[in-house]
Protein backbone atom coordinates (compact mmCIF):
# COMPACT_ATOMS: atom_id res chain seq x y z
CA MET A 1 138.13 126.49 193.70
CA GLY A 2 139.37 128.59 190.80
CA TRP A 3 136.14 130.59 190.56
CA LEU A 4 136.08 131.31 194.29
CA LEU A 5 139.69 132.47 194.13
CA ASP A 6 138.84 134.88 191.31
CA LEU A 7 135.81 136.08 193.27
CA LEU A 8 137.96 136.82 196.32
CA ILE A 9 141.10 138.39 194.87
CA GLY A 10 140.62 138.93 191.12
CA ASP A 11 143.91 139.43 189.26
CA PRO A 12 146.47 141.02 191.61
CA SER A 13 149.04 143.07 189.70
CA TRP A 14 151.91 141.38 191.54
CA LEU A 15 150.91 137.87 190.41
CA PRO A 16 152.44 136.59 187.13
CA HIS A 17 149.70 135.96 184.56
CA PRO A 18 149.83 133.55 181.59
CA VAL A 19 147.95 136.04 179.39
CA VAL A 20 150.95 138.36 179.71
CA GLY A 21 153.03 135.53 178.25
CA PHE A 22 150.46 135.05 175.50
CA GLY A 23 150.74 138.75 174.70
CA LYS A 24 154.53 138.58 174.43
CA MET A 25 154.31 135.61 172.06
CA ILE A 26 151.80 137.46 169.87
CA SER A 27 153.89 140.65 169.88
CA PHE A 28 156.99 138.71 168.88
CA GLY A 29 155.20 136.98 166.01
CA GLU A 30 153.49 140.17 164.82
CA ARG A 31 156.73 142.13 164.88
CA HIS A 32 158.53 139.57 162.69
CA LEU A 33 155.70 138.44 160.39
CA ASN A 34 153.46 141.45 159.83
CA LYS A 35 155.49 142.94 157.00
CA GLY A 36 156.14 142.37 153.33
CA ARG A 37 153.95 140.11 151.21
CA HIS A 38 151.40 137.42 152.15
CA ARG A 39 150.45 139.05 155.45
CA LYS A 40 147.08 137.31 155.58
CA ALA A 41 148.69 133.87 155.20
CA LYS A 42 151.37 134.68 157.78
CA GLY A 43 148.73 135.92 160.22
CA ALA A 44 146.72 132.73 159.69
CA LEU A 45 149.80 130.59 160.30
CA MET A 46 150.66 132.43 163.52
CA THR A 47 147.08 132.24 164.79
CA VAL A 48 146.73 128.49 164.21
CA ALA A 49 150.23 127.77 165.55
CA LEU A 50 149.79 129.67 168.82
CA ILE A 51 146.33 128.26 169.58
CA SER A 52 147.51 124.73 168.81
CA LEU A 53 150.67 125.20 170.89
CA VAL A 54 148.68 126.28 173.95
CA TYR A 55 146.11 123.49 173.65
CA VAL A 56 148.55 120.64 172.95
CA SER A 57 151.16 121.69 175.52
CA SER A 58 148.60 122.19 178.30
CA ARG A 59 146.95 118.83 177.55
CA TYR A 60 150.36 117.15 177.63
CA LEU A 61 151.18 118.86 180.94
CA LEU A 62 147.84 117.74 182.35
CA SER A 63 148.58 114.13 181.44
CA LEU A 64 152.01 114.36 183.09
CA LEU A 65 150.49 115.77 186.30
CA ALA A 66 147.82 113.06 186.32
CA ASP A 67 150.59 110.43 186.49
CA ILE A 68 152.05 112.14 189.56
CA HIS A 69 148.99 112.68 191.79
CA PRO A 70 145.28 113.55 191.33
CA VAL A 71 145.55 116.43 193.81
CA ILE A 72 148.24 118.11 191.67
CA THR A 73 145.97 117.74 188.63
CA LEU A 74 143.12 119.33 190.60
CA LEU A 75 145.30 122.27 191.67
CA PHE A 76 146.52 122.82 188.11
CA GLN A 77 142.96 122.92 186.76
CA ALA A 78 141.85 125.24 189.57
CA SER A 79 144.77 127.54 188.71
CA VAL A 80 143.73 127.56 185.05
CA VAL A 81 140.16 128.48 185.97
CA PHE A 82 141.41 131.24 188.29
CA TYR A 83 143.72 132.73 185.67
CA CYS A 84 141.20 132.49 182.82
CA LEU A 85 138.31 134.16 184.62
CA ALA A 86 138.25 137.97 184.70
CA GLY A 87 134.95 138.78 186.36
CA THR A 88 136.08 140.38 189.60
CA THR A 89 138.85 142.54 188.17
CA LEU A 90 136.66 144.21 185.56
CA VAL A 91 133.81 144.83 188.02
CA ARG A 92 136.33 146.66 190.22
CA GLU A 93 137.66 148.63 187.25
CA VAL A 94 134.17 149.69 186.12
CA ARG A 95 133.32 150.86 189.62
CA GLN A 96 136.51 152.91 189.63
CA VAL A 97 135.58 154.48 186.28
CA PHE A 98 132.27 155.76 187.67
CA LEU A 99 133.91 157.02 190.86
CA ALA A 100 136.60 158.80 188.84
CA ALA A 101 134.06 160.29 186.40
CA ASP A 102 132.06 161.63 189.36
CA ARG A 103 135.19 163.47 190.53
CA SER A 104 136.28 164.89 187.16
CA LEU A 105 136.04 164.20 183.45
CA GLU A 106 139.81 163.90 183.05
CA GLU A 107 140.05 161.29 185.82
CA GLY A 108 137.22 159.35 184.21
CA ARG A 109 138.99 159.38 180.83
CA LYS A 110 142.22 158.10 182.38
CA GLN A 111 140.46 155.37 184.32
CA VAL A 112 138.37 154.07 181.42
CA ALA A 113 141.49 153.97 179.22
CA ARG A 114 142.64 151.03 181.40
CA ILE A 115 139.83 148.78 180.16
CA VAL A 116 138.93 149.91 176.61
CA GLY A 117 140.84 149.89 173.34
CA ARG A 118 139.33 153.08 171.91
CA ASP A 119 140.91 156.53 172.20
CA THR A 120 139.57 158.21 175.35
CA SER A 121 141.16 161.69 175.24
CA GLU A 122 138.08 163.35 173.74
CA LEU A 123 135.28 161.34 175.39
CA SER A 124 132.48 163.16 177.19
CA ALA A 125 131.41 162.12 180.70
CA GLN A 126 128.45 160.22 179.21
CA GLU A 127 130.75 158.46 176.72
CA VAL A 128 133.15 157.49 179.53
CA ARG A 129 130.34 155.82 181.49
CA THR A 130 128.89 154.24 178.35
CA ALA A 131 132.28 152.78 177.38
CA ALA A 132 132.67 151.27 180.86
CA LEU A 133 129.25 149.59 180.78
CA GLU A 134 129.71 148.33 177.21
CA THR A 135 133.00 146.76 178.29
CA LEU A 136 131.38 145.25 181.39
CA ALA A 137 128.72 143.53 179.26
CA GLU A 138 131.19 142.36 176.62
CA ASN A 139 133.66 141.13 179.23
CA LEU A 140 130.98 139.06 180.94
CA SER A 141 130.92 137.03 177.73
CA ASP A 142 134.65 137.11 176.89
CA GLY A 143 136.00 136.96 180.44
CA VAL A 144 133.57 134.67 182.27
CA ILE A 145 130.88 132.85 180.26
CA ALA A 146 133.02 131.90 177.25
CA PRO A 147 135.97 130.52 179.29
CA LEU A 148 133.56 128.41 181.37
CA PHE A 149 131.77 127.29 178.21
CA TRP A 150 135.01 126.03 176.66
CA TYR A 151 136.05 124.46 179.97
CA MET A 152 132.85 122.40 179.84
CA LEU A 153 133.61 121.28 176.29
CA LEU A 154 137.40 120.80 176.29
CA GLY A 155 138.57 121.05 179.89
CA ALA A 156 141.43 123.24 181.13
CA PRO A 157 143.35 123.03 177.79
CA GLY A 158 140.28 124.29 175.95
CA MET A 159 139.93 127.14 178.41
CA LEU A 160 143.57 128.17 177.90
CA ALA A 161 143.26 127.87 174.12
CA TYR A 162 140.22 130.15 174.25
CA LYS A 163 142.22 132.75 176.20
CA MET A 164 144.86 132.66 173.47
CA VAL A 165 142.11 133.17 170.85
CA ASN A 166 140.73 136.10 172.83
CA THR A 167 144.18 137.64 173.36
CA LEU A 168 144.99 137.35 169.65
CA ASP A 169 141.79 139.18 168.77
CA SER A 170 142.32 141.91 171.35
CA MET A 171 145.83 142.59 170.04
CA ILE A 172 145.65 142.16 166.27
CA GLY A 173 141.99 141.65 165.37
CA TYR A 174 141.37 145.22 164.19
CA ARG A 175 140.31 146.56 160.78
CA THR A 176 143.05 149.16 160.73
CA ASP A 177 145.66 149.51 157.97
CA ARG A 178 148.22 147.68 160.09
CA TYR A 179 146.09 144.70 161.13
CA ARG A 180 143.39 144.35 158.45
CA ASP A 181 145.16 141.48 156.64
CA PHE A 182 147.45 140.08 159.31
CA GLY A 183 144.79 139.93 162.01
CA GLN A 184 141.92 138.65 159.87
CA TRP A 185 142.22 135.02 160.97
CA ALA A 186 142.56 136.04 164.62
CA ALA A 187 139.35 138.08 164.39
CA ARG A 188 137.42 135.34 162.57
CA THR A 189 138.59 132.64 165.01
CA ASP A 190 137.45 134.79 167.92
CA ASP A 191 134.07 135.30 166.21
CA ILE A 192 133.61 131.52 165.94
CA ALA A 193 134.78 130.81 169.50
CA ASN A 194 132.42 133.42 170.96
CA PHE A 195 129.35 132.71 168.83
CA PRO A 196 127.52 130.40 171.30
CA PRO A 197 128.82 132.03 174.54
CA ALA A 198 127.77 135.55 173.50
CA ARG A 199 124.17 134.51 172.96
CA LEU A 200 124.19 132.41 176.12
CA THR A 201 125.47 135.47 178.01
CA ALA A 202 122.55 137.59 176.81
CA LEU A 203 120.07 134.91 177.90
CA LEU A 204 121.71 134.63 181.33
CA MET A 205 121.62 138.42 181.77
CA ILE A 206 117.91 138.51 180.92
CA PHE A 207 117.21 135.65 183.33
CA ALA A 208 119.38 137.24 186.05
CA TYR A 209 117.52 140.55 185.81
CA SER A 210 114.14 138.83 185.62
CA LEU A 211 114.81 136.99 188.89
CA SER A 212 114.70 140.29 190.79
CA HIS A 213 111.77 141.68 188.77
CA LEU A 214 109.42 138.71 188.69
CA PHE A 215 106.21 140.74 188.83
CA THR A 216 107.28 143.94 187.07
CA LEU A 217 109.08 142.76 183.94
CA SER A 218 108.30 140.66 180.92
CA PRO A 219 111.45 138.71 179.91
CA ILE A 220 109.91 138.35 176.44
CA ARG A 221 110.24 142.11 175.95
CA LEU A 222 113.95 141.99 176.78
CA PHE A 223 114.50 138.92 174.62
CA THR A 224 112.81 140.66 171.67
CA PHE A 225 114.95 143.74 172.24
CA VAL A 226 118.14 141.65 172.18
CA CYS A 227 117.11 139.80 169.01
CA ARG A 228 116.38 143.11 167.29
CA ASN A 229 119.48 145.02 168.46
CA GLY A 230 122.14 142.36 169.03
CA ARG A 231 122.94 142.08 165.33
CA LYS A 232 123.53 145.85 164.96
CA HIS A 233 127.05 145.67 166.40
CA ALA A 234 130.05 145.53 164.06
CA SER A 235 131.00 142.30 165.83
CA PRO A 236 128.72 139.29 165.26
CA ASN A 237 128.88 138.56 169.01
CA SER A 238 129.54 141.63 171.17
CA GLY A 239 126.18 143.17 170.32
CA TYR A 240 124.20 140.51 172.17
CA PRO A 241 125.42 141.06 175.75
CA GLU A 242 125.55 144.82 175.08
CA ALA A 243 121.96 144.75 173.81
CA ALA A 244 120.89 142.78 176.89
CA LEU A 245 122.38 145.41 179.20
CA ALA A 246 121.04 148.32 177.10
CA GLY A 247 117.57 146.77 177.30
CA ILE A 248 117.85 146.22 181.05
CA LEU A 249 118.99 149.81 181.68
CA ASP A 250 116.78 151.35 178.95
CA CYS A 251 119.78 153.27 177.56
CA ARG A 252 121.75 153.56 174.32
CA PHE A 253 125.14 152.05 173.50
CA GLY A 254 127.26 152.24 170.35
CA GLY A 255 127.92 155.19 168.09
CA PRO A 256 131.21 156.45 166.62
CA HIS A 257 134.47 155.36 168.33
CA ARG A 258 138.07 156.22 167.58
CA TYR A 259 140.69 153.43 167.44
CA PHE A 260 144.37 154.07 166.66
CA GLY A 261 143.51 157.45 165.16
CA GLN A 262 140.74 156.09 162.90
CA VAL A 263 137.01 156.72 163.47
CA PHE A 264 134.66 153.71 163.30
CA ASP A 265 130.96 154.56 163.10
CA LYS A 266 129.18 151.79 165.02
CA PRO A 267 125.37 151.49 164.93
CA PHE A 268 123.47 152.50 168.05
CA ILE A 269 122.07 149.75 170.28
CA GLY A 270 118.92 151.08 171.94
CA THR A 271 117.17 154.40 171.42
CA ASN A 272 117.18 156.17 174.80
CA PRO A 273 120.23 158.50 175.07
CA ARG A 274 119.55 159.27 178.75
CA PRO A 275 122.44 160.10 181.11
CA LEU A 276 123.97 157.08 182.83
CA THR A 277 124.40 157.16 186.61
CA THR A 278 126.15 155.27 189.38
CA ALA A 279 122.83 153.52 190.08
CA ASP A 280 122.93 152.12 186.52
CA MET A 281 126.44 150.80 187.15
CA GLN A 282 125.27 149.10 190.36
CA THR A 283 122.37 147.46 188.50
CA ALA A 284 124.75 146.31 185.75
CA VAL A 285 127.15 144.81 188.31
CA ARG A 286 124.32 142.92 190.05
CA VAL A 287 123.15 141.48 186.74
CA ASN A 288 126.75 140.63 185.83
CA ARG A 289 127.37 138.79 189.10
CA THR A 290 124.07 136.91 189.04
CA ALA A 291 124.66 135.76 185.46
CA GLU A 292 128.13 134.58 186.50
CA VAL A 293 126.70 132.50 189.35
CA LEU A 294 124.10 131.02 187.00
CA MET A 295 126.83 130.00 184.56
CA MET A 296 128.82 128.42 187.38
CA LEU A 297 125.77 126.34 188.32
CA ILE A 298 125.32 125.27 184.70
CA ALA A 299 129.02 124.40 184.35
CA THR A 300 129.10 122.46 187.62
CA ALA A 301 125.91 120.54 186.82
CA THR A 302 127.18 119.68 183.32
CA LEU A 303 130.53 118.44 184.59
CA LEU A 304 128.87 116.36 187.32
CA LEU A 305 126.42 114.78 184.88
CA PHE A 306 128.76 114.13 181.94
């Protein structure tokens, strides 16, 4: 129910979202704790406290709802799944980036700034399209596969706790002067939480693409490409879905990016610096959607069996 709802409407801007509340909690803690001495310890304390708060409170709420009526419990869990999945919204945003970039470079820069953390004011048209596709691949792991993975393991509370982990990393998990110490635990926790899902995402993407190229593609070639290039990313996880998409499209991701005024020189994933087109975006979206359906089948089968 939750997945179908996300598929149909995504995340409407008018609908209150729990991740917004997570962001406010993180901002409040960062504003009051990220100063003075012992910033690493204070960041660790905030990270553990917020993740524990979300998991324990949601599990307690679930037990209260179970005492009222099973249907209410079902609706709560469906709502959690709906809120924690972000597949449809990002697919729409990536499509809009390519449409905007086709109209003008400035429109493309403004549109891609909605979905990436890097500075976009000086990006070329190729870099705008590359940033959008990198985010699409990474978000398939962070926004779809990983939440469903943790739902299989720990139910709706585990899914919500994962979203808090992911939100912490996206807000304070940077190696900048401001966040290097305070956000270290948030970044490391996110690395651990995404370690299995990121690799599972790459495998699902390879399988999804292979389904439509049964007689023209060797999945072994793509798998070898991912194993060779996935570890090149600064993140121990993001490189794997990005490498899968770079291998599928025969293109190149990575390179230097600017965050908060600082330049980070990321290794290249892939070797073909060819121009990216709208056709590439459409292929990426098809792979993304097919991998999502495959993960839903895995999640459903696992929950039914165990």
